[in-house]
């Protein structure tokens, strides 16, 4: 996360974010500019989003790309790389914010790795509908307050995304990157 650019109300943040070309994160009155990702970062996010879009077609679950804002009960507004919801979307802010994701995917980068694994995951855990949080690691809800870590180290490894009833291999996530 970048250093805060200004103090703002959530209404101020929503107006700024709507009028801005770039994306911003909001937490506790602070607005943070979100950095753009690298080619590799964008490609992994696109691969995951495309795969989920294909395999979820016709199911009650739908993936969203990084243009969908997520708002947490803990007060974080942000744009994950990929998310998915099942059933009807619970939307706020004139359809710009999804409140009921079952899956959130963050593509790790050296700059955001610690934040995505730590503080951001802590804030995401407050979302009652969230069942899977995928980084290079995969956190899966095991109860009201329990989360189990699954680590993947081989392109042959497969992530099983229970809330959307699908699986995706690391080879599919990292396809087209010459790994």
N, C-alpha and C. Protein backbone atom coordinates (compact mmCIF):
# COMPACT_ATOMS: atom_id res chain seq x y z
N UNK A 1 0.84 -1.16 0.00
CA UNK A 1 0.00 0.00 0.00
C UNK A 1 0.89 1.23 0.00
N UNK A 2 0.55 2.22 -0.78
CA UNK A 2 1.30 3.48 -0.80
C UNK A 2 1.01 4.28 0.46
N UNK A 3 1.82 5.28 0.71
CA UNK A 3 1.53 6.19 1.81
C UNK A 3 0.22 6.90 1.55
N UNK A 4 -0.53 7.22 2.58
CA UNK A 4 -1.82 7.87 2.36
C UNK A 4 -1.65 9.22 1.66
N UNK A 5 -2.57 9.50 0.75
CA UNK A 5 -2.51 10.74 -0.01
C UNK A 5 -3.34 11.84 0.64
N UNK A 6 -4.39 11.47 1.38
CA UNK A 6 -5.24 12.48 2.01
C UNK A 6 -6.19 11.82 2.99
N UNK A 7 -6.72 12.60 3.92
CA UNK A 7 -7.79 12.14 4.80
C UNK A 7 -9.10 12.39 4.07
N UNK A 8 -10.04 11.45 4.18
CA UNK A 8 -11.29 11.61 3.45
C UNK A 8 -12.39 10.80 4.13
N UNK A 9 -13.62 11.21 3.87
CA UNK A 9 -14.76 10.39 4.26
C UNK A 9 -14.93 9.31 3.20
N UNK A 10 -15.72 8.29 3.48
CA UNK A 10 -15.96 7.27 2.47
C UNK A 10 -16.66 7.88 1.26
N UNK A 11 -17.58 8.82 1.48
CA UNK A 11 -18.25 9.49 0.36
C UNK A 11 -17.25 10.24 -0.50
N UNK A 12 -16.29 10.92 0.13
CA UNK A 12 -15.23 11.60 -0.62
C UNK A 12 -14.42 10.60 -1.43
N UNK A 13 -14.08 9.48 -0.80
CA UNK A 13 -13.33 8.43 -1.48
C UNK A 13 -14.09 7.92 -2.70
N UNK A 14 -15.38 7.62 -2.54
CA UNK A 14 -16.17 7.09 -3.65
C UNK A 14 -16.22 8.07 -4.81
N UNK A 15 -16.37 9.35 -4.50
CA UNK A 15 -16.39 10.38 -5.55
C UNK A 15 -15.04 10.46 -6.26
N UNK A 16 -13.97 10.45 -5.49
CA UNK A 16 -12.62 10.49 -6.06
C UNK A 16 -12.38 9.27 -6.93
N UNK A 17 -12.72 8.10 -6.41
CA UNK A 17 -12.47 6.86 -7.15
C UNK A 17 -13.28 6.80 -8.44
N UNK A 18 -14.51 7.26 -8.39
CA UNK A 18 -15.36 7.26 -9.58
C UNK A 18 -14.82 8.20 -10.66
N UNK A 19 -14.28 9.36 -10.24
CA UNK A 19 -13.80 10.37 -11.19
C UNK A 19 -12.38 10.10 -11.67
N UNK A 20 -11.67 9.22 -11.00
CA UNK A 20 -10.25 9.01 -11.28
C UNK A 20 -10.04 7.95 -12.35
N UNK A 21 -8.95 8.08 -13.09
CA UNK A 21 -8.55 7.06 -14.05
C UNK A 21 -7.96 5.86 -13.32
N UNK A 22 -7.20 6.11 -12.27
CA UNK A 22 -6.58 5.05 -11.48
C UNK A 22 -7.51 4.53 -10.40
N UNK A 23 -7.09 3.45 -9.77
CA UNK A 23 -7.87 2.86 -8.69
C UNK A 23 -7.27 3.25 -7.36
N UNK A 24 -8.13 3.27 -6.35
CA UNK A 24 -7.70 3.64 -5.01
C UNK A 24 -8.26 2.66 -3.99
N UNK A 25 -7.53 2.53 -2.91
CA UNK A 25 -7.98 1.74 -1.78
C UNK A 25 -8.33 2.73 -0.68
N UNK A 26 -9.29 2.36 0.16
CA UNK A 26 -9.72 3.24 1.24
C UNK A 26 -9.79 2.46 2.54
N UNK A 27 -9.23 3.03 3.60
CA UNK A 27 -9.31 2.41 4.90
C UNK A 27 -9.13 3.47 5.98
N UNK A 28 -10.10 3.54 6.88
CA UNK A 28 -10.05 4.44 8.03
C UNK A 28 -9.72 5.89 7.66
N UNK A 29 -10.42 6.39 6.67
CA UNK A 29 -10.26 7.79 6.28
C UNK A 29 -9.05 8.08 5.42
N UNK A 30 -8.29 7.06 5.06
CA UNK A 30 -7.12 7.27 4.23
C UNK A 30 -7.35 6.68 2.84
N UNK A 31 -6.93 7.42 1.83
CA UNK A 31 -7.05 7.00 0.44
C UNK A 31 -5.65 6.66 -0.05
N UNK A 32 -5.51 5.48 -0.64
CA UNK A 32 -4.23 5.01 -1.13
C UNK A 32 -4.32 4.75 -2.63
N UNK A 33 -3.41 5.30 -3.40
CA UNK A 33 -3.34 4.98 -4.83
C UNK A 33 -2.85 3.56 -4.98
N UNK A 34 -3.51 2.78 -5.82
CA UNK A 34 -3.09 1.40 -6.07
C UNK A 34 -2.16 1.41 -7.28
N UNK A 35 -1.03 0.77 -7.13
CA UNK A 35 -0.05 0.72 -8.20
C UNK A 35 -0.51 -0.25 -9.28
N UNK A 36 -0.16 0.03 -10.51
CA UNK A 36 -0.42 -0.89 -11.60
C UNK A 36 0.50 -2.09 -11.49
N UNK A 37 0.09 -3.21 -12.04
CA UNK A 37 0.89 -4.43 -11.97
C UNK A 37 1.80 -4.57 -13.17
N UNK A 38 2.72 -5.51 -13.06
CA UNK A 38 3.62 -5.83 -14.15
C UNK A 38 2.90 -6.69 -15.19
N UNK A 39 3.56 -6.98 -16.29
CA UNK A 39 3.01 -7.87 -17.31
C UNK A 39 2.68 -9.22 -16.69
N UNK A 40 3.62 -9.78 -15.92
CA UNK A 40 3.41 -11.10 -15.31
C UNK A 40 2.22 -11.07 -14.35
N UNK A 41 2.12 -10.02 -13.57
CA UNK A 41 1.02 -9.86 -12.61
C UNK A 41 -0.32 -9.84 -13.36
N UNK A 42 -0.39 -9.02 -14.40
CA UNK A 42 -1.62 -8.91 -15.19
C UNK A 42 -1.96 -10.22 -15.88
N UNK A 43 -0.96 -10.92 -16.39
CA UNK A 43 -1.19 -12.18 -17.11
C UNK A 43 -1.75 -13.25 -16.17
N UNK A 44 -1.18 -13.38 -14.97
CA UNK A 44 -1.68 -14.38 -14.02
C UNK A 44 -3.12 -14.06 -13.63
N UNK A 45 -3.41 -12.79 -13.34
CA UNK A 45 -4.79 -12.40 -13.01
C UNK A 45 -5.75 -12.69 -14.15
N UNK A 46 -5.34 -12.39 -15.38
CA UNK A 46 -6.18 -12.66 -16.55
C UNK A 46 -6.38 -14.16 -16.74
N UNK A 47 -5.33 -14.95 -16.57
CA UNK A 47 -5.46 -16.41 -16.72
C UNK A 47 -6.47 -16.98 -15.74
N UNK A 48 -6.38 -16.55 -14.49
CA UNK A 48 -7.30 -17.06 -13.47
C UNK A 48 -8.73 -16.61 -13.76
N UNK A 49 -8.90 -15.33 -14.08
CA UNK A 49 -10.22 -14.79 -14.38
C UNK A 49 -10.83 -15.48 -15.61
N UNK A 50 -10.03 -15.66 -16.65
CA UNK A 50 -10.52 -16.31 -17.88
C UNK A 50 -10.92 -17.76 -17.61
N UNK A 51 -10.08 -18.46 -16.87
CA UNK A 51 -10.39 -19.86 -16.56
C UNK A 51 -11.70 -19.96 -15.77
N UNK A 52 -11.82 -19.14 -14.74
CA UNK A 52 -13.05 -19.17 -13.94
C UNK A 52 -14.27 -18.78 -14.77
N UNK A 53 -14.11 -17.80 -15.63
CA UNK A 53 -15.23 -17.39 -16.49
C UNK A 53 -15.69 -18.56 -17.36
N UNK A 54 -14.75 -19.32 -17.88
CA UNK A 54 -15.08 -20.46 -18.73
C UNK A 54 -15.75 -21.58 -17.93
N UNK A 55 -15.14 -21.98 -16.81
CA UNK A 55 -15.66 -23.15 -16.09
C UNK A 55 -16.91 -22.84 -15.28
N UNK A 56 -17.16 -21.58 -14.98
CA UNK A 56 -18.35 -21.23 -14.20
C UNK A 56 -19.55 -20.86 -15.07
N UNK A 57 -19.36 -20.83 -16.37
CA UNK A 57 -20.45 -20.49 -17.27
C UNK A 57 -21.63 -21.43 -17.03
N UNK A 58 -22.79 -20.88 -16.78
CA UNK A 58 -23.99 -21.67 -16.53
C UNK A 58 -24.18 -22.08 -15.08
N UNK A 59 -23.23 -21.75 -14.22
CA UNK A 59 -23.35 -22.09 -12.80
C UNK A 59 -23.91 -20.87 -12.05
N UNK A 60 -24.26 -21.02 -10.79
CA UNK A 60 -24.75 -19.87 -10.03
C UNK A 60 -23.62 -18.93 -9.58
N UNK A 61 -22.38 -19.29 -9.89
CA UNK A 61 -21.23 -18.48 -9.47
C UNK A 61 -20.65 -17.74 -10.67
N UNK A 62 -20.16 -16.52 -10.41
CA UNK A 62 -19.58 -15.71 -11.47
C UNK A 62 -18.30 -15.03 -10.99
N UNK A 63 -17.26 -15.05 -11.84
CA UNK A 63 -16.03 -14.35 -11.48
C UNK A 63 -16.11 -12.87 -11.86
N UNK A 64 -15.32 -12.08 -11.19
CA UNK A 64 -15.19 -10.66 -11.49
C UNK A 64 -13.71 -10.34 -11.64
N UNK A 65 -13.40 -9.37 -12.49
CA UNK A 65 -12.00 -8.99 -12.66
C UNK A 65 -11.63 -7.87 -11.68
N UNK A 66 -10.48 -7.30 -11.88
CA UNK A 66 -9.96 -6.31 -10.93
C UNK A 66 -10.67 -4.95 -11.01
N UNK A 67 -11.69 -4.83 -11.84
CA UNK A 67 -12.49 -3.60 -11.87
C UNK A 67 -13.60 -3.61 -10.83
N UNK A 68 -13.82 -4.76 -10.18
CA UNK A 68 -14.89 -4.85 -9.18
C UNK A 68 -14.33 -4.53 -7.80
N UNK A 69 -14.86 -3.48 -7.22
CA UNK A 69 -14.45 -3.10 -5.86
C UNK A 69 -15.11 -4.04 -4.86
N UNK A 70 -14.39 -4.38 -3.82
CA UNK A 70 -14.88 -5.18 -2.70
C UNK A 70 -14.84 -4.29 -1.46
N UNK A 71 -15.90 -4.33 -0.68
CA UNK A 71 -15.94 -3.58 0.58
C UNK A 71 -16.09 -4.59 1.71
N UNK A 72 -15.25 -4.43 2.73
CA UNK A 72 -15.30 -5.36 3.85
C UNK A 72 -16.04 -4.73 5.02
N UNK A 73 -16.64 -5.54 5.90
CA UNK A 73 -17.28 -5.00 7.10
C UNK A 73 -16.27 -4.28 8.00
N UNK A 74 -14.99 -4.61 7.84
CA UNK A 74 -13.95 -3.97 8.65
C UNK A 74 -13.53 -2.61 8.10
N UNK A 75 -14.15 -2.19 6.99
CA UNK A 75 -13.94 -0.84 6.49
C UNK A 75 -12.96 -0.68 5.34
N UNK A 76 -12.46 -1.76 4.77
CA UNK A 76 -11.55 -1.68 3.63
C UNK A 76 -12.34 -1.70 2.33
N UNK A 77 -12.03 -0.78 1.45
CA UNK A 77 -12.53 -0.78 0.08
C UNK A 77 -11.32 -0.99 -0.82
N UNK A 78 -11.36 -2.01 -1.67
CA UNK A 78 -10.19 -2.32 -2.49
C UNK A 78 -10.61 -3.08 -3.74
N UNK A 79 -9.67 -3.28 -4.62
CA UNK A 79 -9.90 -3.97 -5.89
C UNK A 79 -9.00 -5.21 -5.97
N UNK A 80 -9.47 -6.38 -5.57
CA UNK A 80 -8.64 -7.58 -5.71
C UNK A 80 -8.45 -7.93 -7.19
N UNK A 81 -7.44 -8.73 -7.47
CA UNK A 81 -7.16 -9.10 -8.86
C UNK A 81 -8.30 -9.90 -9.47
N UNK A 82 -8.88 -10.81 -8.71
CA UNK A 82 -10.02 -11.62 -9.16
C UNK A 82 -10.90 -11.87 -7.94
N UNK A 83 -12.20 -11.91 -8.16
CA UNK A 83 -13.13 -12.32 -7.10
C UNK A 83 -14.24 -13.11 -7.77
N UNK A 84 -15.03 -13.76 -6.96
CA UNK A 84 -16.20 -14.48 -7.47
C UNK A 84 -17.28 -14.45 -6.40
N UNK A 85 -18.53 -14.49 -6.85
CA UNK A 85 -19.68 -14.57 -5.96
C UNK A 85 -20.60 -15.66 -6.47
N UNK A 86 -21.47 -16.14 -5.63
CA UNK A 86 -22.45 -17.16 -6.02
C UNK A 86 -23.84 -16.65 -5.67
N UNK A 87 -24.80 -16.98 -6.51
CA UNK A 87 -26.16 -16.49 -6.30
C UNK A 87 -26.25 -15.05 -6.79
N UNK A 88 -27.10 -14.29 -6.13
CA UNK A 88 -27.26 -12.89 -6.52
C UNK A 88 -26.15 -12.05 -5.92
N UNK A 89 -25.59 -11.12 -6.70
CA UNK A 89 -24.58 -10.25 -6.12
C UNK A 89 -25.22 -9.26 -5.15
N UNK A 90 -24.55 -9.04 -4.04
CA UNK A 90 -24.97 -7.99 -3.11
C UNK A 90 -24.10 -6.77 -3.45
N UNK A 91 -24.75 -5.75 -4.01
CA UNK A 91 -24.02 -4.60 -4.51
C UNK A 91 -24.34 -3.35 -3.72
N UNK A 92 -23.38 -2.47 -3.66
CA UNK A 92 -23.54 -1.16 -3.03
C UNK A 92 -22.93 -0.13 -3.95
N UNK A 93 -23.09 1.13 -3.58
CA UNK A 93 -22.46 2.23 -4.31
C UNK A 93 -22.83 2.22 -5.80
N UNK A 94 -24.14 2.13 -6.06
CA UNK A 94 -24.67 2.14 -7.43
C UNK A 94 -24.05 1.05 -8.30
N UNK A 95 -23.86 -0.13 -7.73
CA UNK A 95 -23.36 -1.26 -8.49
C UNK A 95 -21.85 -1.31 -8.64
N UNK A 96 -21.13 -0.46 -7.95
CA UNK A 96 -19.67 -0.43 -8.08
C UNK A 96 -18.94 -1.25 -7.02
N UNK A 97 -19.66 -1.76 -6.02
CA UNK A 97 -19.02 -2.46 -4.91
C UNK A 97 -19.74 -3.77 -4.63
N UNK A 98 -18.98 -4.87 -4.62
CA UNK A 98 -19.51 -6.19 -4.31
C UNK A 98 -19.30 -6.48 -2.83
N UNK A 99 -20.37 -6.91 -2.17
CA UNK A 99 -20.30 -7.16 -0.72
C UNK A 99 -20.24 -8.64 -0.35
N UNK A 100 -20.52 -9.54 -1.30
CA UNK A 100 -20.62 -10.96 -0.95
C UNK A 100 -19.72 -11.88 -1.78
N UNK A 101 -18.43 -11.57 -1.87
CA UNK A 101 -17.56 -12.49 -2.60
C UNK A 101 -17.38 -13.79 -1.81
N UNK A 102 -17.30 -14.92 -2.53
CA UNK A 102 -16.97 -16.19 -1.89
C UNK A 102 -15.50 -16.53 -2.12
N UNK A 103 -14.90 -15.88 -3.11
CA UNK A 103 -13.52 -16.12 -3.49
C UNK A 103 -12.84 -14.79 -3.79
N UNK A 104 -11.65 -14.61 -3.27
CA UNK A 104 -10.81 -13.46 -3.60
C UNK A 104 -9.43 -13.99 -3.96
N UNK A 105 -8.89 -13.51 -5.09
CA UNK A 105 -7.55 -13.88 -5.53
C UNK A 105 -6.71 -12.61 -5.60
N UNK A 106 -5.57 -12.63 -4.96
CA UNK A 106 -4.58 -11.56 -5.05
C UNK A 106 -3.31 -12.15 -5.65
N UNK A 107 -2.86 -11.58 -6.75
CA UNK A 107 -1.59 -11.99 -7.36
C UNK A 107 -0.49 -11.27 -6.60
N UNK A 108 0.38 -12.04 -6.00
CA UNK A 108 1.42 -11.45 -5.17
C UNK A 108 2.49 -10.76 -6.00
N UNK A 109 2.99 -9.67 -5.48
CA UNK A 109 4.15 -8.99 -6.05
C UNK A 109 5.08 -8.66 -4.90
N UNK A 110 6.35 -8.45 -5.17
CA UNK A 110 7.28 -8.15 -4.08
C UNK A 110 6.83 -6.95 -3.24
N UNK A 111 6.21 -5.97 -3.87
CA UNK A 111 5.82 -4.75 -3.18
C UNK A 111 4.63 -4.95 -2.24
N UNK A 112 3.69 -5.85 -2.59
CA UNK A 112 2.46 -6.00 -1.81
C UNK A 112 2.37 -7.32 -1.05
N UNK A 113 3.36 -8.19 -1.21
CA UNK A 113 3.30 -9.54 -0.63
C UNK A 113 2.98 -9.53 0.86
N UNK A 114 3.72 -8.76 1.64
CA UNK A 114 3.50 -8.76 3.10
C UNK A 114 2.11 -8.22 3.45
N UNK A 115 1.69 -7.17 2.78
CA UNK A 115 0.37 -6.58 3.03
C UNK A 115 -0.73 -7.58 2.67
N UNK A 116 -0.63 -8.23 1.49
CA UNK A 116 -1.65 -9.18 1.06
C UNK A 116 -1.75 -10.37 2.01
N UNK A 117 -0.62 -10.83 2.53
CA UNK A 117 -0.61 -11.98 3.44
C UNK A 117 -1.03 -11.60 4.86
N UNK A 118 -0.82 -10.36 5.24
CA UNK A 118 -1.04 -9.95 6.62
C UNK A 118 -2.28 -9.11 6.82
N UNK A 119 -2.10 -7.79 6.83
CA UNK A 119 -3.19 -6.87 7.16
C UNK A 119 -4.39 -7.01 6.22
N UNK A 120 -4.14 -7.16 4.93
CA UNK A 120 -5.25 -7.25 3.99
C UNK A 120 -6.05 -8.53 4.22
N UNK A 121 -5.35 -9.64 4.46
CA UNK A 121 -6.06 -10.89 4.74
C UNK A 121 -6.87 -10.77 6.03
N UNK A 122 -6.32 -10.10 7.03
CA UNK A 122 -7.05 -9.90 8.28
C UNK A 122 -8.36 -9.14 8.00
N UNK A 123 -8.31 -8.12 7.15
CA UNK A 123 -9.50 -7.33 6.84
C UNK A 123 -10.48 -8.12 5.97
N UNK A 124 -9.98 -8.91 5.03
CA UNK A 124 -10.84 -9.74 4.20
C UNK A 124 -11.59 -10.78 5.03
N UNK A 125 -10.96 -11.31 6.06
CA UNK A 125 -11.59 -12.36 6.87
C UNK A 125 -12.89 -11.91 7.52
N UNK A 126 -13.14 -10.62 7.60
CA UNK A 126 -14.38 -10.12 8.18
C UNK A 126 -15.57 -10.28 7.23
N UNK A 127 -15.33 -10.65 5.97
CA UNK A 127 -16.41 -10.84 5.00
C UNK A 127 -17.06 -12.19 5.28
N UNK A 128 -18.32 -12.22 5.74
CA UNK A 128 -18.95 -13.50 6.10
C UNK A 128 -19.06 -14.50 4.95
N UNK A 129 -19.25 -14.03 3.74
CA UNK A 129 -19.43 -14.93 2.60
C UNK A 129 -18.11 -15.50 2.08
N UNK A 130 -16.99 -14.90 2.42
CA UNK A 130 -15.70 -15.31 1.87
C UNK A 130 -15.31 -16.70 2.36
N UNK A 131 -15.05 -17.60 1.41
CA UNK A 131 -14.67 -18.97 1.74
C UNK A 131 -13.25 -19.31 1.29
N UNK A 132 -12.74 -18.68 0.26
CA UNK A 132 -11.40 -18.95 -0.24
C UNK A 132 -10.67 -17.64 -0.51
N UNK A 133 -9.43 -17.59 -0.05
CA UNK A 133 -8.52 -16.47 -0.33
C UNK A 133 -7.28 -17.08 -0.93
N UNK A 134 -7.00 -16.75 -2.18
CA UNK A 134 -5.91 -17.38 -2.91
C UNK A 134 -4.83 -16.35 -3.21
N UNK A 135 -3.61 -16.70 -2.82
CA UNK A 135 -2.40 -15.96 -3.19
C UNK A 135 -1.55 -17.00 -3.91
N UNK A 136 -0.25 -16.98 -3.73
CA UNK A 136 0.53 -18.14 -4.11
C UNK A 136 0.13 -19.25 -3.15
N UNK A 137 -0.18 -18.83 -1.91
CA UNK A 137 -0.78 -19.73 -0.95
C UNK A 137 -2.30 -19.65 -1.12
N UNK A 138 -2.99 -20.59 -0.56
CA UNK A 138 -4.45 -20.64 -0.67
C UNK A 138 -4.99 -20.83 0.74
N UNK A 139 -5.73 -19.87 1.22
CA UNK A 139 -6.36 -19.96 2.52
C UNK A 139 -7.82 -20.36 2.33
N UNK A 140 -8.25 -21.40 3.03
CA UNK A 140 -9.62 -21.89 2.89
C UNK A 140 -10.28 -21.89 4.26
N UNK A 141 -11.49 -21.34 4.32
CA UNK A 141 -12.22 -21.26 5.59
C UNK A 141 -12.58 -22.66 6.07
N UNK A 142 -12.36 -22.91 7.36
CA UNK A 142 -12.69 -24.21 7.95
C UNK A 142 -13.76 -24.09 9.03
N UNK A 143 -14.17 -22.88 9.33
CA UNK A 143 -15.18 -22.63 10.35
C UNK A 143 -15.36 -21.14 10.49
N UNK A 144 -16.13 -20.72 11.46
CA UNK A 144 -16.41 -19.29 11.64
C UNK A 144 -15.13 -18.47 11.75
N UNK A 145 -14.12 -19.00 12.43
CA UNK A 145 -12.88 -18.25 12.64
C UNK A 145 -11.65 -19.01 12.18
N UNK A 146 -11.83 -20.17 11.57
CA UNK A 146 -10.69 -21.00 11.18
C UNK A 146 -10.36 -20.87 9.71
N UNK A 147 -9.08 -20.87 9.41
CA UNK A 147 -8.59 -20.83 8.04
C UNK A 147 -7.44 -21.83 7.91
N UNK A 148 -7.46 -22.63 6.86
CA UNK A 148 -6.40 -23.60 6.61
C UNK A 148 -5.57 -23.13 5.43
N UNK A 149 -4.24 -23.19 5.60
CA UNK A 149 -3.31 -22.78 4.55
C UNK A 149 -2.95 -23.98 3.68
N UNK A 150 -3.04 -23.81 2.36
CA UNK A 150 -2.57 -24.79 1.39
C UNK A 150 -1.46 -24.11 0.60
N UNK A 151 -0.28 -24.70 0.56
CA UNK A 151 0.81 -24.13 -0.23
C UNK A 151 1.01 -24.97 -1.48
N UNK A 152 1.36 -24.31 -2.57
CA UNK A 152 1.56 -24.97 -3.86
C UNK A 152 2.95 -24.60 -4.37
N UNK A 153 3.68 -25.58 -4.84
CA UNK A 153 5.06 -25.35 -5.26
C UNK A 153 5.36 -25.86 -6.66
N UNK A 154 4.45 -26.57 -7.28
CA UNK A 154 4.68 -27.16 -8.59
C UNK A 154 3.58 -26.71 -9.55
N UNK A 155 3.93 -26.54 -10.82
CA UNK A 155 2.93 -26.17 -11.81
C UNK A 155 1.86 -27.25 -11.96
N UNK A 156 2.15 -28.48 -11.53
CA UNK A 156 1.17 -29.56 -11.60
C UNK A 156 0.18 -29.51 -10.44
N UNK A 157 0.47 -28.70 -9.41
CA UNK A 157 -0.44 -28.59 -8.27
C UNK A 157 -1.76 -27.98 -8.70
N UNK A 158 -2.84 -28.38 -8.03
CA UNK A 158 -4.19 -27.94 -8.38
C UNK A 158 -4.84 -27.29 -7.16
N UNK A 159 -5.41 -26.12 -7.34
CA UNK A 159 -6.17 -25.43 -6.30
C UNK A 159 -7.62 -25.86 -6.42
N UNK A 160 -8.20 -26.35 -5.35
CA UNK A 160 -9.60 -26.75 -5.34
C UNK A 160 -10.40 -25.63 -4.68
N UNK A 161 -11.22 -24.97 -5.47
CA UNK A 161 -12.00 -23.82 -5.01
C UNK A 161 -13.41 -24.30 -4.68
N UNK A 162 -13.62 -24.71 -3.45
CA UNK A 162 -14.87 -25.34 -3.03
C UNK A 162 -16.10 -24.46 -3.22
N UNK A 163 -16.07 -23.16 -2.90
CA UNK A 163 -17.33 -22.41 -2.99
C UNK A 163 -17.86 -22.29 -4.41
N UNK A 164 -16.97 -22.34 -5.40
CA UNK A 164 -17.43 -22.26 -6.78
C UNK A 164 -17.39 -23.64 -7.45
N UNK A 165 -16.98 -24.67 -6.69
CA UNK A 165 -17.01 -26.03 -7.20
C UNK A 165 -16.07 -26.28 -8.37
N UNK A 166 -14.93 -25.62 -8.38
CA UNK A 166 -14.00 -25.75 -9.49
C UNK A 166 -12.58 -25.93 -8.98
N UNK A 167 -11.71 -26.32 -9.90
CA UNK A 167 -10.28 -26.45 -9.62
C UNK A 167 -9.52 -25.76 -10.73
N UNK A 168 -8.33 -25.28 -10.40
CA UNK A 168 -7.47 -24.66 -11.40
C UNK A 168 -6.04 -25.04 -11.04
N UNK A 169 -5.29 -25.45 -12.07
CA UNK A 169 -3.90 -25.84 -11.81
C UNK A 169 -3.02 -24.60 -11.86
N UNK A 170 -1.88 -24.71 -11.22
CA UNK A 170 -0.92 -23.60 -11.30
C UNK A 170 -0.46 -23.40 -12.74
N UNK A 171 -0.40 -24.49 -13.52
CA UNK A 171 -0.02 -24.37 -14.92
C UNK A 171 -1.02 -23.47 -15.66
N UNK A 172 -2.31 -23.56 -15.31
CA UNK A 172 -3.31 -22.69 -15.94
C UNK A 172 -3.13 -21.25 -15.45
N UNK A 173 -2.81 -21.08 -14.19
CA UNK A 173 -2.61 -19.73 -13.64
C UNK A 173 -1.44 -19.02 -14.30
N UNK A 174 -0.35 -19.78 -14.50
CA UNK A 174 0.88 -19.18 -15.01
C UNK A 174 1.12 -19.44 -16.48
N UNK A 175 0.09 -19.92 -17.19
CA UNK A 175 0.22 -20.18 -18.62
C UNK A 175 0.63 -18.95 -19.41
N UNK A 176 1.46 -19.15 -20.42
CA UNK A 176 1.91 -18.06 -21.27
C UNK A 176 3.04 -17.25 -20.70
N UNK A 177 3.62 -17.70 -19.58
CA UNK A 177 4.71 -16.95 -18.96
C UNK A 177 6.05 -17.68 -19.09
N UNK A 178 6.07 -18.79 -19.78
CA UNK A 178 7.33 -19.49 -20.03
C UNK A 178 7.96 -20.06 -18.78
N UNK A 179 7.16 -20.47 -17.82
CA UNK A 179 7.70 -21.05 -16.58
C UNK A 179 7.93 -22.53 -16.73
